[in-house]
C-alpha atoms as a PDB file:
ATOM      1  CA  MET A   1     115.560-169.925  10.283  1.00  0.00           C
ATOM      2  CA  ARG A   2     116.990-173.152   9.069  1.00  0.00           C
ATOM      3  CA  ARG A   3     117.003-173.586   5.520  1.00  0.00           C
ATOM      4  CA  ILE A   4     116.215-176.956   4.030  1.00  0.00           C
ATOM      5  CA  PRO A   5     118.659-177.870   1.360  1.00  0.00           C
ATOM      6  CA  TYR A   6     117.491-178.786  -2.086  1.00  0.00           C
ATOM      7  CA  SER A   7     119.016-179.800  -5.109  1.00  0.00           C
ATOM      8  CA  ILE A   8     118.241-179.511  -8.845  1.00  0.00           C
ATOM      9  CA  ARG A   9     118.307-182.833 -10.563  1.00  0.00           C
ATOM     10  CA  HIS A  10     119.657-182.783 -13.905  1.00  0.00           C
ATOM     11  CA  PRO A  11     118.520-185.427 -16.531  1.00  0.00           C
ATOM     12  CA  GLN A  12     121.158-188.087 -16.697  1.00  0.00           C
ATOM     13  CA  PRO A  13     122.602-188.956 -20.174  1.00  0.00           C
ATOM     14  CA  GLY A  14     120.271-190.904 -22.208  1.00  0.00           C
ATOM     15  CA  SER A  15     117.249-190.007 -20.085  1.00  0.00           C
ATOM     16  CA  MET A  16     114.241-188.454 -21.714  1.00  0.00           C
ATOM     17  CA  THR A  17     112.192-185.520 -20.406  1.00  0.00           C
ATOM     18  CA  ARG A  18     108.544-184.907 -21.221  1.00  0.00           C
ATOM     19  CA  ARG A  19     109.352-182.043 -23.269  1.00  0.00           C
ATOM     20  CA  SER A  20     112.036-183.855 -25.245  1.00  0.00           C
ATOM     21  CA  PHE A  21     109.635-186.605 -25.809  1.00  0.00           C
ATOM     22  CA  ILE A  22     106.977-184.409 -27.179  1.00  0.00           C
ATOM     23  CA  ALA A  23     109.704-182.675 -29.412  1.00  0.00           C
ATOM     24  CA  GLY A  24     110.955-185.924 -30.629  1.00  0.00           C
ATOM     25  CA  ALA A  25     107.319-187.222 -31.432  1.00  0.00           C
ATOM     26  CA  ALA A  26     106.713-184.098 -33.198  1.00  0.00           C
ATOM     27  CA  ALA A  27     109.917-184.263 -35.343  1.00  0.00           C
ATOM     28  CA  ALA A  28     109.176-188.018 -35.997  1.00  0.00           C
ATOM     29  CA  SER A  29     105.658-187.122 -37.222  1.00  0.00           C
ATOM     30  CA  LEU A  30     106.848-184.397 -39.418  1.00  0.00           C
ATOM     31  CA  GLY A  31     109.617-186.596 -40.931  1.00  0.00           C
ATOM     32  CA  PHE A  32     106.765-189.264 -41.548  1.00  0.00           C
ATOM     33  CA  ALA A  33     104.475-186.686 -43.226  1.00  0.00           C
ATOM     34  CA  LEU A  34     107.440-185.401 -45.383  1.00  0.00           C
ATOM     35  CA  TYR A  35     108.434-188.937 -46.431  1.00  0.00           C
ATOM     36  CA  ALA A  36     104.909-190.257 -46.903  1.00  0.00           C
ATOM     37  CA  GLY A  37     103.840-187.087 -48.791  1.00  0.00           C
ATOM     38  CA  THR A  38     106.785-186.427 -51.115  1.00  0.00           C
ATOM     39  CA  HIS A  39     109.172-189.508 -51.665  1.00  0.00           C
ATOM     40  CA  ALA A  40     106.658-192.411 -50.822  1.00  0.00           C
ATOM     41  CA  ARG A  41     103.648-190.983 -52.706  1.00  0.00           C
ATOM     42  CA  HIS A  42     105.687-190.966 -55.810  1.00  0.00           C
ATOM     43  CA  GLU A  43     107.231-194.244 -55.603  1.00  0.00           C
ATOM     44  CA  PHE A  44     105.669-196.783 -58.125  1.00  0.00           C
ATOM     45  CA  GLU A  45     105.807-200.454 -59.063  1.00  0.00           C
ATOM     46  CA  ILE A  46     105.372-202.122 -62.346  1.00  0.00           C
ATOM     47  CA  THR A  47     103.792-205.290 -61.488  1.00  0.00           C
ATOM     48  CA  GLN A  48     104.258-208.043 -64.207  1.00  0.00           C
ATOM     49  CA  LYS A  49     101.512-210.616 -64.130  1.00  0.00           C
ATOM     50  CA  THR A  50     100.425-213.505 -66.404  1.00  0.00           C
ATOM     51  CA  LEU A  51      96.561-213.942 -67.126  1.00  0.00           C
ATOM     52  CA  ALA A  52      95.756-217.470 -67.884  1.00  0.00           C
ATOM     53  CA  ILE A  53      92.532-217.539 -69.730  1.00  0.00           C
ATOM     54  CA  ARG A  54      90.414-220.501 -70.747  1.00  0.00           C
ATOM     55  CA  ASN A  55      89.874-220.876 -74.612  1.00  0.00           C
ATOM     56  CA  LEU A  56      92.061-217.891 -75.249  1.00  0.00           C
ATOM     57  CA  PRO A  57      92.009-217.501 -79.164  1.00  0.00           C
ATOM     58  CA  ASP A  58      95.383-217.862 -80.948  1.00  0.00           C
ATOM     59  CA  GLY A  59      95.310-214.304 -81.947  1.00  0.00           C
ATOM     60  CA  PHE A  60      95.593-213.168 -78.392  1.00  0.00           C
ATOM     61  CA  GLN A  61      98.315-215.435 -77.278  1.00  0.00           C
ATOM     62  CA  GLY A  62     100.888-213.091 -75.651  1.00  0.00           C
ATOM     63  CA  PHE A  63      98.429-210.108 -75.936  1.00  0.00           C
ATOM     64  CA  ARG A  64      99.656-207.481 -73.381  1.00  0.00           C
ATOM     65  CA  ILE A  65      97.582-205.215 -71.406  1.00  0.00           C
ATOM     66  CA  VAL A  66      98.523-202.395 -68.889  1.00  0.00           C
ATOM     67  CA  GLN A  67      96.014-201.423 -66.259  1.00  0.00           C
ATOM     68  CA  MET A  68      96.151-197.949 -64.775  1.00  0.00           C
ATOM     69  CA  SER A  69      93.649-196.953 -61.963  1.00  0.00           C
ATOM     70  CA  ASP A  70      92.719-194.061 -59.678  1.00  0.00           C
ATOM     71  CA  ILE A  71      94.586-191.217 -61.112  1.00  0.00           C
ATOM     72  CA  HIS A  72      92.869-188.436 -58.938  1.00  0.00           C
ATOM     73  CA  LEU A  73      94.457-185.848 -60.999  1.00  0.00           C
ATOM     74  CA  GLU A  74      95.158-182.679 -59.079  1.00  0.00           C
ATOM     75  CA  GLU A  75      93.850-184.029 -55.671  1.00  0.00           C
ATOM     76  CA  PHE A  76      96.453-185.001 -55.067  1.00  0.00           C
ATOM     77  CA  THR A  77      98.291-186.317 -58.276  1.00  0.00           C
ATOM     78  CA  GLU A  78     100.384-183.853 -59.976  1.00  0.00           C
ATOM     79  CA  ALA A  79     100.304-183.518 -63.842  1.00  0.00           C
ATOM     80  CA  PHE A  80     103.943-184.275 -63.894  1.00  0.00           C
ATOM     81  CA  PHE A  81     103.491-187.702 -62.023  1.00  0.00           C
ATOM     82  CA  LEU A  82     100.618-188.773 -64.333  1.00  0.00           C
ATOM     83  CA  GLU A  83     102.958-187.805 -67.286  1.00  0.00           C
ATOM     84  CA  ARG A  84     105.572-189.969 -65.808  1.00  0.00           C
ATOM     85  CA  MET A  85     103.208-192.949 -65.496  1.00  0.00           C
ATOM     86  CA  VAL A  86     102.183-192.371 -69.154  1.00  0.00           C
ATOM     87  CA  HIS A  87     105.850-192.454 -70.079  1.00  0.00           C
ATOM     88  CA  GLN A  88     106.283-195.769 -68.268  1.00  0.00           C
ATOM     89  CA  VAL A  89     103.410-197.192 -69.914  1.00  0.00           C
ATOM     90  CA  ASN A  90     104.739-196.198 -73.333  1.00  0.00           C
ATOM     91  CA  ASP A  91     108.023-197.979 -72.621  1.00  0.00           C
ATOM     92  CA  LEU A  92     106.159-201.071 -71.899  1.00  0.00           C
ATOM     93  CA  ASN A  93     104.526-200.940 -75.469  1.00  0.00           C
ATOM     94  CA  PRO A  94     101.352-202.755 -74.617  1.00  0.00           C
ATOM     95  CA  ASP A  95      98.658-203.675 -77.012  1.00  0.00           C
ATOM     96  CA  LEU A  96      95.935-202.259 -74.970  1.00  0.00           C
ATOM     97  CA  VAL A  97      95.579-199.934 -71.847  1.00  0.00           C
ATOM     98  CA  LEU A  98      92.747-200.326 -69.518  1.00  0.00           C
ATOM     99  CA  ILE A  99      91.906-197.497 -67.018  1.00  0.00           C
ATOM    100  CA  THR A 100      89.617-198.566 -64.121  1.00  0.00           C
ATOM    101  CA  GLY A 101      88.229-195.298 -62.768  1.00  0.00           C
ATOM    102  CA  ASP A 102      88.708-192.272 -60.759  1.00  0.00           C
ATOM    103  CA  PHE A 103      90.364-189.894 -63.139  1.00  0.00           C
ATOM    104  CA  VAL A 104      89.670-187.036 -60.773  1.00  0.00           C
ATOM    105  CA  SER A 105      88.780-186.327 -57.312  1.00  0.00           C
ATOM    106  CA  ARG A 106      85.876-184.765 -55.473  1.00  0.00           C
ATOM    107  CA  GLY A 107      87.311-182.483 -52.879  1.00  0.00           C
ATOM    108  CA  PRO A 108      88.791-181.256 -50.784  1.00  0.00           C
ATOM    109  CA  ARG A 109      89.501-178.248 -53.037  1.00  0.00           C
ATOM    110  CA  PRO A 110      86.751-176.280 -54.839  1.00  0.00           C
ATOM    111  CA  HIS A 111      84.601-178.223 -57.461  1.00  0.00           C
ATOM    112  CA  THR A 112      86.343-176.149 -60.221  1.00  0.00           C
ATOM    113  CA  VAL A 113      89.547-177.844 -59.649  1.00  0.00           C
ATOM    114  CA  ALA A 114      88.156-181.366 -60.430  1.00  0.00           C
ATOM    115  CA  TRP A 115      86.267-179.921 -63.523  1.00  0.00           C
ATOM    116  CA  ASN A 116      89.482-178.419 -64.810  1.00  0.00           C
ATOM    117  CA  ALA A 117      91.456-181.678 -64.092  1.00  0.00           C
ATOM    118  CA  ALA A 118      89.168-183.836 -66.201  1.00  0.00           C
ATOM    119  CA  GLY A 119      90.240-181.931 -69.273  1.00  0.00           C
ATOM    120  CA  LEU A 120      93.880-182.074 -68.298  1.00  0.00           C
ATOM    121  CA  ALA A 121      93.726-185.939 -67.631  1.00  0.00           C
ATOM    122  CA  ALA A 122      92.262-186.397 -71.078  1.00  0.00           C
ATOM    123  CA  GLU A 123      94.987-184.431 -72.677  1.00  0.00           C
ATOM    124  CA  ILE A 124      97.790-186.220 -70.862  1.00  0.00           C
ATOM    125  CA  LEU A 125      96.214-189.775 -71.458  1.00  0.00           C
ATOM    126  CA  SER A 126      95.990-188.937 -75.096  1.00  0.00           C
ATOM    127  CA  THR A 127      99.687-189.225 -75.311  1.00  0.00           C
ATOM    128  CA  LEU A 128      99.431-193.071 -74.535  1.00  0.00           C
ATOM    129  CA  LYS A 129     100.854-194.822 -77.559  1.00  0.00           C
ATOM    130  CA  ALA A 130      99.078-198.006 -77.247  1.00  0.00           C
ATOM    131  CA  PRO A 131      96.993-199.073 -80.247  1.00  0.00           C
ATOM    132  CA  GLN A 132      93.759-199.070 -78.021  1.00  0.00           C
ATOM    133  CA  ARG A 133      92.656-197.681 -74.602  1.00  0.00           C
ATOM    134  CA  LEU A 134      89.504-197.933 -72.573  1.00  0.00           C
ATOM    135  CA  GLY A 135      88.286-196.730 -69.322  1.00  0.00           C
ATOM    136  CA  ILE A 136      85.398-196.907 -66.813  1.00  0.00           C
ATOM    137  CA  LEU A 137      83.988-194.377 -64.247  1.00  0.00           C
ATOM    138  CA  GLY A 138      84.927-194.354 -60.525  1.00  0.00           C
ATOM    139  CA  ASN A 139      82.941-193.059 -57.842  1.00  0.00           C
ATOM    140  CA  HIS A 140      84.811-189.773 -57.599  1.00  0.00           C
ATOM    141  CA  ASP A 141      84.166-189.337 -61.484  1.00  0.00           C
ATOM    142  CA  VAL A 142      80.444-189.670 -60.951  1.00  0.00           C
ATOM    143  CA  ALA A 143      80.539-187.430 -57.963  1.00  0.00           C
ATOM    144  CA  VAL A 144      82.138-184.684 -60.025  1.00  0.00           C
ATOM    145  CA  GLY A 145      79.924-185.261 -63.028  1.00  0.00           C
ATOM    146  CA  ALA A 146      79.999-188.275 -65.197  1.00  0.00           C
ATOM    147  CA  ASP A 147      79.261-186.477 -68.493  1.00  0.00           C
ATOM    148  CA  HIS A 148      81.896-183.910 -67.554  1.00  0.00           C
ATOM    149  CA  VAL A 149      84.515-186.501 -67.030  1.00  0.00           C
ATOM    150  CA  ILE A 150      83.389-188.698 -70.069  1.00  0.00           C
ATOM    151  CA  ASP A 151      83.253-185.875 -72.682  1.00  0.00           C
ATOM    152  CA  PRO A 152      86.879-184.641 -72.723  1.00  0.00           C
ATOM    153  CA  LEU A 153      88.302-188.203 -72.409  1.00  0.00           C
ATOM    154  CA  GLU A 154      86.294-189.545 -75.449  1.00  0.00           C
ATOM    155  CA  ALA A 155      87.135-186.332 -77.302  1.00  0.00           C
ATOM    156  CA  HIS A 156      90.795-187.198 -76.660  1.00  0.00           C
ATOM    157  CA  GLY A 157      90.601-190.726 -77.792  1.00  0.00           C
ATOM    158  CA  THR A 158      89.672-192.649 -74.468  1.00  0.00           C
ATOM    159  CA  PRO A 159      86.373-194.293 -74.880  1.00  0.00           C
ATOM    160  CA  ILE A 160      84.659-194.965 -71.532  1.00  0.00           C
ATOM    161  CA  LEU A 161      82.432-198.130 -70.968  1.00  0.00           C
ATOM    162  CA  VAL A 162      79.404-197.584 -68.951  1.00  0.00           C
ATOM    163  CA  ASP A 163      77.248-200.734 -68.770  1.00  0.00           C
ATOM    164  CA  SER A 164      78.597-201.541 -72.115  1.00  0.00           C
ATOM    165  CA  TYR A 165      81.179-203.725 -73.930  1.00  0.00           C
ATOM    166  CA  THR A 166      83.197-203.767 -77.038  1.00  0.00           C
ATOM    167  CA  PRO A 167      85.040-206.403 -79.033  1.00  0.00           C
ATOM    168  CA  LEU A 168      88.672-206.501 -79.920  1.00  0.00           C
ATOM    169  CA  GLU A 169      89.519-208.292 -83.108  1.00  0.00           C
ATOM    170  CA  ARG A 170      92.742-209.831 -84.637  1.00  0.00           C
ATOM    171  CA  GLY A 171      91.764-211.432 -87.595  1.00  0.00           C
ATOM    172  CA  LYS A 172      88.917-213.873 -86.998  1.00  0.00           C
ATOM    173  CA  ASP A 173      89.692-213.981 -83.270  1.00  0.00           C
ATOM    174  CA  VAL A 174      87.820-211.863 -80.536  1.00  0.00           C
ATOM    175  CA  LEU A 175      88.432-210.738 -77.037  1.00  0.00           C
ATOM    176  CA  TRP A 176      85.516-208.743 -75.369  1.00  0.00           C
ATOM    177  CA  ILE A 177      86.340-205.729 -73.014  1.00  0.00           C
ATOM    178  CA  ALA A 178      83.146-204.969 -70.729  1.00  0.00           C
ATOM    179  CA  GLY A 179      82.665-202.148 -68.409  1.00  0.00           C
ATOM    180  CA  ALA A 180      80.312-201.572 -65.479  1.00  0.00           C
ATOM    181  CA  ASP A 181      78.803-198.200 -64.357  1.00  0.00           C
ATOM    182  CA  ASP A 182      80.119-197.282 -60.962  1.00  0.00           C
ATOM    183  CA  PRO A 183      78.447-199.431 -58.344  1.00  0.00           C
ATOM    184  CA  GLY A 184      79.558-197.026 -55.552  1.00  0.00           C
ATOM    185  CA  THR A 185      77.349-194.278 -56.581  1.00  0.00           C
ATOM    186  CA  ARG A 186      74.908-195.744 -59.036  1.00  0.00           C
ATOM    187  CA  LYS A 187      73.301-199.267 -60.041  1.00  0.00           C
ATOM    188  CA  PRO A 188      75.038-201.073 -62.773  1.00  0.00           C
ATOM    189  CA  ASP A 189      73.063-203.282 -65.050  1.00  0.00           C
ATOM    190  CA  LEU A 190      75.163-206.358 -65.741  1.00  0.00           C
ATOM    191  CA  ASN A 191      72.534-207.362 -68.380  1.00  0.00           C
ATOM    192  CA  PHE A 192      73.997-204.522 -70.467  1.00  0.00           C
ATOM    193  CA  ALA A 193      77.630-204.639 -69.171  1.00  0.00           C
ATOM    194  CA  ILE A 194      78.393-208.244 -70.088  1.00  0.00           C
ATOM    195  CA  PRO A 195      77.794-209.513 -73.606  1.00  0.00           C
ATOM    196  CA  PRO A 196      74.935-212.156 -73.608  1.00  0.00           C
ATOM    197  CA  ASP A 197      76.843-214.676 -76.089  1.00  0.00           C
ATOM    198  CA  PRO A 198      80.255-213.712 -76.342  1.00  0.00           C
ATOM    199  CA  ARG A 199      81.672-217.010 -77.429  1.00  0.00           C
ATOM    200  CA  ALA A 200      85.101-215.708 -76.492  1.00  0.00           C
ATOM    201  CA  PRO A 201      86.814-214.557 -73.360  1.00  0.00           C
ATOM    202  CA  VAL A 202      85.527-211.588 -71.499  1.00  0.00           C
ATOM    203  CA  ILE A 203      87.539-209.130 -69.380  1.00  0.00           C
ATOM    204  CA  PHE A 204      85.399-207.014 -67.190  1.00  0.00           C
ATOM    205  CA  MET A 205      86.259-203.645 -65.603  1.00  0.00           C
ATOM    206  CA  CYS A 206      84.516-202.515 -62.401  1.00  0.00           C
ATOM    207  CA  HIS A 207      85.842-199.834 -60.181  1.00  0.00           C
ATOM    208  CA  GLU A 208      84.892-201.199 -56.787  1.00  0.00           C
ATOM    209  CA  PRO A 209      86.297-204.613 -56.088  1.00  0.00           C
ATOM    210  CA  ASP A 210      83.787-205.834 -53.484  1.00  0.00           C
ATOM    211  CA  TYR A 211      81.083-205.614 -56.027  1.00  0.00           C
ATOM    212  CA  VAL A 212      82.338-208.888 -57.072  1.00  0.00           C
ATOM    213  CA  ASP A 213      80.212-210.548 -54.663  1.00  0.00           C
ATOM    214  CA  HIS A 214      77.139-209.406 -56.493  1.00  0.00           C
ATOM    215  CA  VAL A 215      78.813-210.352 -59.845  1.00  0.00           C
ATOM    216  CA  ILE A 216      79.129-213.961 -58.938  1.00  0.00           C
ATOM    217  CA  GLN A 217      75.513-214.193 -58.256  1.00  0.00           C
ATOM    218  CA  HIS A 218      74.602-212.820 -61.658  1.00  0.00           C
ATOM    219  CA  PRO A 219      73.384-215.315 -64.413  1.00  0.00           C
ATOM    220  CA  ARG A 220      76.183-213.916 -66.827  1.00  0.00           C
ATOM    221  CA  PHE A 221      78.987-214.463 -64.313  1.00  0.00           C
ATOM    222  CA  PRO A 222      80.059-217.711 -66.117  1.00  0.00           C
ATOM    223  CA  LEU A 223      80.837-215.550 -68.966  1.00  0.00           C
ATOM    224  CA  ILE A 224      83.449-213.488 -67.421  1.00  0.00           C
ATOM    225  CA  ASP A 225      87.072-214.712 -67.307  1.00  0.00           C
ATOM    226  CA  VAL A 226      88.796-211.764 -65.537  1.00  0.00           C
ATOM    227  CA  MET A 227      87.565-208.718 -63.517  1.00  0.00           C
ATOM    228  CA  LEU A 228      89.769-205.649 -63.214  1.00  0.00           C
ATOM    229  CA  SER A 229      89.262-203.194 -60.250  1.00  0.00           C
ATOM    230  CA  GLY A 230      90.870-200.362 -58.353  1.00  0.00           C
ATOM    231  CA  HIS A 231      89.293-198.020 -55.704  1.00  0.00           C
ATOM    232  CA  THR A 232      91.201-199.291 -52.616  1.00  0.00           C
ATOM    233  CA  HIS A 233      94.578-197.758 -53.366  1.00  0.00           C
ATOM    234  CA  GLY A 234      95.900-200.906 -51.794  1.00  0.00           C
ATOM    235  CA  GLY A 235      95.210-199.406 -48.529  1.00  0.00           C
ATOM    236  CA  GLN A 236      97.374-196.282 -49.322  1.00  0.00           C
ATOM    237  CA  ILE A 237      99.141-196.156 -45.716  1.00  0.00           C
ATOM    238  CA  ARG A 238     100.067-199.731 -44.512  1.00  0.00           C
ATOM    239  CA  ILE A 239     101.566-200.114 -41.105  1.00  0.00           C
ATOM    240  CA  PRO A 240     103.819-203.300 -40.453  1.00  0.00           C
ATOM    241  CA  TYR A 241     102.072-205.898 -38.571  1.00  0.00           C
ATOM    242  CA  ILE A 242      98.748-203.879 -38.729  1.00  0.00           C
ATOM    243  CA  GLY A 243      98.015-203.371 -42.405  1.00  0.00           C
ATOM    244  CA  PRO A 244      95.991-200.712 -44.085  1.00  0.00           C
ATOM    245  CA  LEU A 245      94.692-198.010 -41.779  1.00  0.00           C
ATOM    246  CA  VAL A 246      91.719-196.898 -43.840  1.00  0.00           C
ATOM    247  CA  LEU A 247      89.795-198.618 -46.725  1.00  0.00           C
ATOM    248  CA  PRO A 248      86.909-197.194 -48.681  1.00  0.00           C
ATOM    249  CA  PRO A 249      83.332-198.657 -48.746  1.00  0.00           C
ATOM    250  CA  MET A 250      83.054-201.466 -51.334  1.00  0.00           C
ATOM    251  CA  GLY A 251      86.936-201.771 -51.049  1.00  0.00           C
ATOM    252  CA  GLN A 252      87.267-203.548 -47.727  1.00  0.00           C
ATOM    253  CA  LYS A 253      87.325-207.272 -48.569  1.00  0.00           C
ATOM    254  CA  TYR A 254      89.545-207.417 -51.623  1.00  0.00           C
ATOM    255  CA  ILE A 255      92.333-204.988 -51.106  1.00  0.00           C
ATOM    256  CA  GLU A 256      95.073-205.623 -53.640  1.00  0.00           C
ATOM    257  CA  GLY A 257      96.310-208.432 -55.980  1.00  0.00           C
ATOM    258  CA  PHE A 258      94.722-211.608 -57.399  1.00  0.00           C
ATOM    259  CA  TYR A 259      91.574-213.398 -56.074  1.00  0.00           C
ATOM    260  CA  LYS A 260      89.921-216.459 -57.434  1.00  0.00           C
ATOM    261  CA  PHE A 261      86.182-217.002 -57.867  1.00  0.00           C
ATOM    262  CA  GLY A 262      86.015-220.350 -59.618  1.00  0.00           C
ATOM    263  CA  HIS A 263      87.099-219.917 -63.296  1.00  0.00           C
ATOM    264  CA  MET A 264      87.218-216.099 -62.866  1.00  0.00           C
ATOM    265  CA  GLN A 265      90.097-214.141 -61.594  1.00  0.00           C
ATOM    266  CA  LEU A 266      89.836-210.760 -59.933  1.00  0.00           C
ATOM    267  CA  TYR A 267      92.752-208.322 -59.825  1.00  0.00           C
ATOM    268  CA  VAL A 268      92.843-205.157 -57.803  1.00  0.00           C
ATOM    269  CA  ASN A 269      95.311-202.457 -58.827  1.00  0.00           C
ATOM    270  CA  ARG A 270      96.597-200.032 -56.136  1.00  0.00           C
ATOM    271  CA  GLY A 271      96.288-197.208 -58.321  1.00  0.00           C
ATOM    272  CA  ILE A 272      98.341-194.159 -59.017  1.00  0.00           C
ATOM    273  CA  GLY A 273      96.865-191.410 -56.771  1.00  0.00           C
ATOM    274  CA  THR A 274      95.778-190.769 -53.279  1.00  0.00           C
ATOM    275  CA  VAL A 275      92.692-189.460 -51.507  1.00  0.00           C
ATOM    276  CA  GLY A 276      91.974-188.178 -48.032  1.00  0.00           C
ATOM    277  CA  VAL A 277      95.563-187.258 -47.437  1.00  0.00           C
ATOM    278  CA  PRO A 278      98.332-186.887 -49.840  1.00  0.00           C
ATOM    279  CA  PHE A 279     100.359-189.757 -48.304  1.00  0.00           C
ATOM    280  CA  ARG A 280     101.346-193.302 -49.247  1.00  0.00           C
ATOM    281  CA  LEU A 281     103.406-195.682 -46.935  1.00  0.00           C
ATOM    282  CA  ASN A 282     104.586-199.151 -47.715  1.00  0.00           C
ATOM    283  CA  CYS A 283     101.988-199.101 -50.624  1.00  0.00           C
ATOM    284  CA  PRO A 284     103.674-197.715 -53.766  1.00  0.00           C
ATOM    285  CA  ALA A 285     101.533-196.635 -56.734  1.00  0.00           C
ATOM    286  CA  GLU A 286     101.072-199.374 -59.404  1.00  0.00           C
ATOM    287  CA  LEU A 287     100.971-200.099 -63.067  1.00  0.00           C
ATOM    288  CA  THR A 288     100.011-203.690 -63.862  1.00  0.00           C
ATOM    289  CA  HIS A 289     101.388-205.243 -67.032  1.00  0.00           C
ATOM    290  CA  PHE A 290      99.457-208.360 -67.945  1.00  0.00           C
ATOM    291  CA  THR A 291     100.293-211.075 -70.549  1.00  0.00           C
ATOM    292  CA  LEU A 292      97.533-213.139 -71.707  1.00  0.00           C
ATOM    293  CA  GLN A 293      98.137-216.883 -72.167  1.00  0.00           C
ATOM    294  CA  ARG A 294      95.727-219.752 -72.614  1.00  0.00           C
ATOM    295  CA  ALA A 295      95.038-221.577 -69.554  1.00  0.00           C
END
């Protein structure tokens, strides 16, 4: 019988087999996960911004505020990273720290993890050295248990504004800080959240930025000068030429940075922590350092 000759083809230098492609893709995915979950997730940026506010009283010219947001302690933010952020804030030596919600996370780990994290977050934040600090609730805080999150925070010196407001006073000059209940899980009442006759600038905290579309329709909108939000994490994972991969409900229109609504400025902070997956990419954590000036 005549044998039919055959040959074995060896890959040429530089060619890629299916197996090597799969292996390379797996290695790249692993490398991405390691980078996004370890190095990139712990990168942060201190963003310096000026807030130009109409009729700003003389006593608040140059007043400095640091905004922190979306801590998500334990899932997935580690205590050491929050401590590092507190140290950074203390180095900035602000007059006021405002924390725009989501101190803890609901899931994926057991509920007890979040319950314990609420107390730990309160303890770490108590080491902030600013003369005053205030916060609001986020959707995760409400899902875990609003009172359970509020109680240790307030016991450790971090008052939480829930459809309420408070004046800051410097001599005869006043600046109002207002805070909404979480609109992602409950129904804020802006009649209680915004002072009815402030006769001074109002800085309004609300966790979900897309709620601004409701705020601007409210009769007390003209009284608000600045709205500070978080919630979006800036997209958390941002792919070049594509943008953020996943955005949460009520955080899909106003993703990060400044937006203008007539006289009012909205600022959306990228936050400290992560949710869903413990990854960040092209979207570092953020502390925002505002300096107030008269517009």
